C-alpha atoms as a PDB file:
ATOM      1  CA  UNK A   1      53.275 -50.399 -68.823  1.00  0.00           C
ATOM      2  CA  UNK A   2      53.061 -53.758 -71.617  1.00  0.00           C
ATOM      3  CA  UNK A   3      50.759 -56.705 -70.088  1.00  0.00           C
ATOM      4  CA  UNK A   4      52.472 -59.219 -68.643  1.00  0.00           C
ATOM      5  CA  UNK A   5      52.877 -62.093 -70.589  1.00  0.00           C
ATOM      6  CA  UNK A   6      52.300 -65.875 -69.011  1.00  0.00           C
ATOM      7  CA  UNK A   7      55.697 -67.873 -68.132  1.00  0.00           C
ATOM      8  CA  UNK A   8      55.162 -70.481 -70.806  1.00  0.00           C
ATOM      9  CA  UNK A   9      55.303 -67.904 -73.494  1.00  0.00           C
ATOM     10  CA  UNK A  10      58.762 -66.626 -73.061  1.00  0.00           C
ATOM     11  CA  UNK A  11      57.732 -62.778 -72.254  1.00  0.00           C
ATOM     12  CA  UNK A  12      59.677 -61.260 -68.838  1.00  0.00           C
ATOM     13  CA  UNK A  13      57.067 -60.327 -66.762  1.00  0.00           C
ATOM     14  CA  UNK A  14      57.588 -55.976 -66.513  1.00  0.00           C
ATOM     15  CA  UNK A  15      60.123 -55.327 -63.319  1.00  0.00           C
ATOM     16  CA  UNK A  16      58.897 -52.794 -61.210  1.00  0.00           C
ATOM     17  CA  UNK A  17      60.010 -49.879 -59.491  1.00  0.00           C
ATOM     18  CA  UNK A  18      61.719 -51.916 -56.063  1.00  0.00           C
ATOM     19  CA  UNK A  19      58.983 -52.866 -52.771  1.00  0.00           C
ATOM     20  CA  UNK A  20      56.808 -49.526 -52.310  1.00  0.00           C
ATOM     21  CA  UNK A  21      58.977 -46.774 -49.400  1.00  0.00           C
ATOM     22  CA  UNK A  22      55.655 -47.468 -47.370  1.00  0.00           C
ATOM     23  CA  UNK A  23      55.333 -50.903 -46.860  1.00  0.00           C
ATOM     24  CA  UNK A  24      56.763 -53.149 -43.563  1.00  0.00           C
ATOM     25  CA  UNK A  25      57.969 -55.651 -43.627  1.00  0.00           C
ATOM     26  CA  UNK A  26      55.731 -59.185 -43.073  1.00  0.00           C
ATOM     27  CA  UNK A  27      57.096 -60.174 -39.715  1.00  0.00           C
ATOM     28  CA  UNK A  28      56.646 -56.757 -38.630  1.00  0.00           C
ATOM     29  CA  UNK A  29      53.069 -56.590 -39.930  1.00  0.00           C
ATOM     30  CA  UNK A  30      52.717 -61.336 -38.442  1.00  0.00           C
ATOM     31  CA  UNK A  31      53.905 -60.143 -34.927  1.00  0.00           C
ATOM     32  CA  UNK A  32      51.434 -57.545 -34.290  1.00  0.00           C
ATOM     33  CA  UNK A  33      48.965 -58.315 -31.664  1.00  0.00           C
ATOM     34  CA  UNK A  34      45.806 -56.598 -33.444  1.00  0.00           C
ATOM     35  CA  UNK A  35      46.377 -57.062 -37.594  1.00  0.00           C
ATOM     36  CA  UNK A  36      43.421 -54.811 -39.918  1.00  0.00           C
ATOM     37  CA  UNK A  37      43.028 -58.178 -42.873  1.00  0.00           C
ATOM     38  CA  UNK A  38      41.135 -57.868 -46.267  1.00  0.00           C
ATOM     39  CA  UNK A  39      39.969 -60.806 -47.586  1.00  0.00           C
ATOM     40  CA  UNK A  40      41.845 -62.894 -50.958  1.00  0.00           C
ATOM     41  CA  UNK A  41      39.884 -64.985 -53.053  1.00  0.00           C
ATOM     42  CA  UNK A  42      41.462 -66.990 -54.897  1.00  0.00           C
ATOM     43  CA  UNK A  43      41.812 -70.322 -57.310  1.00  0.00           C
ATOM     44  CA  UNK A  44      44.769 -72.695 -57.318  1.00  0.00           C
ATOM     45  CA  UNK A  45      45.169 -76.054 -58.576  1.00  0.00           C
ATOM     46  CA  UNK A  46      43.725 -78.632 -58.495  1.00  0.00           C
ATOM     47  CA  UNK A  47      46.514 -80.430 -59.242  1.00  0.00           C
ATOM     48  CA  UNK A  48      48.733 -79.158 -56.831  1.00  0.00           C
ATOM     49  CA  UNK A  49      46.302 -80.907 -54.460  1.00  0.00           C
ATOM     50  CA  UNK A  50      47.190 -77.817 -51.429  1.00  0.00           C
ATOM     51  CA  UNK A  51      44.782 -78.585 -49.339  1.00  0.00           C
ATOM     52  CA  UNK A  52      45.744 -82.457 -49.014  1.00  0.00           C
ATOM     53  CA  UNK A  53      49.023 -80.834 -48.334  1.00  0.00           C
ATOM     54  CA  UNK A  54      48.223 -78.464 -46.159  1.00  0.00           C
ATOM     55  CA  UNK A  55      45.838 -80.846 -43.744  1.00  0.00           C
ATOM     56  CA  UNK A  56      49.118 -83.387 -43.794  1.00  0.00           C
ATOM     57  CA  UNK A  57      51.344 -80.771 -42.687  1.00  0.00           C
ATOM     58  CA  UNK A  58      49.082 -79.535 -39.675  1.00  0.00           C
ATOM     59  CA  UNK A  59      48.207 -83.385 -38.660  1.00  0.00           C
ATOM     60  CA  UNK A  60      52.316 -83.664 -39.242  1.00  0.00           C
ATOM     61  CA  UNK A  61      53.081 -81.223 -36.688  1.00  0.00           C
ATOM     62  CA  UNK A  62      50.534 -81.710 -34.277  1.00  0.00           C
ATOM     63  CA  UNK A  63      49.358 -78.364 -35.329  1.00  0.00           C
ATOM     64  CA  UNK A  64      45.244 -77.439 -34.705  1.00  0.00           C
ATOM     65  CA  UNK A  65      45.511 -74.076 -36.440  1.00  0.00           C
ATOM     66  CA  UNK A  66      47.542 -73.737 -39.902  1.00  0.00           C
ATOM     67  CA  UNK A  67      47.418 -69.563 -40.430  1.00  0.00           C
ATOM     68  CA  UNK A  68      47.111 -70.309 -44.056  1.00  0.00           C
ATOM     69  CA  UNK A  69      46.484 -66.207 -44.242  1.00  0.00           C
ATOM     70  CA  UNK A  70      49.383 -65.517 -43.303  1.00  0.00           C
ATOM     71  CA  UNK A  71      50.969 -67.754 -45.093  1.00  0.00           C
ATOM     72  CA  UNK A  72      49.758 -66.878 -48.243  1.00  0.00           C
ATOM     73  CA  UNK A  73      50.657 -62.903 -47.398  1.00  0.00           C
ATOM     74  CA  UNK A  74      54.716 -64.287 -46.618  1.00  0.00           C
ATOM     75  CA  UNK A  75      54.372 -66.491 -50.249  1.00  0.00           C
ATOM     76  CA  UNK A  76      52.630 -63.323 -51.648  1.00  0.00           C
ATOM     77  CA  UNK A  77      54.794 -60.470 -50.847  1.00  0.00           C
ATOM     78  CA  UNK A  78      57.775 -62.042 -51.439  1.00  0.00           C
ATOM     79  CA  UNK A  79      56.884 -63.053 -55.436  1.00  0.00           C
ATOM     80  CA  UNK A  80      56.051 -59.472 -55.343  1.00  0.00           C
ATOM     81  CA  UNK A  81      58.767 -58.023 -54.172  1.00  0.00           C
ATOM     82  CA  UNK A  82      61.120 -60.204 -55.746  1.00  0.00           C
ATOM     83  CA  UNK A  83      59.756 -58.575 -58.858  1.00  0.00           C
ATOM     84  CA  UNK A  84      59.528 -55.023 -58.351  1.00  0.00           C
ATOM     85  CA  UNK A  85      56.695 -54.424 -56.997  1.00  0.00           C
END
């Protein structure tokens, strides 16, 4: 398999063979009462001001708790699935 190039380099990323059959849909997992979790540490670009925007979203929607882990899970799962992984 060839190494993945950054999107700005113009070379398309490798497309995987498809979503693995043994991975359930995200909604099925997130709707379970007890979910086994693992940590995913990531840095994000400061320019996107994600922390500030998340706080604003929570305040505007009168939320005491925003499930960041669930939001990240949905976003990454959709991104990987779209690329065949």
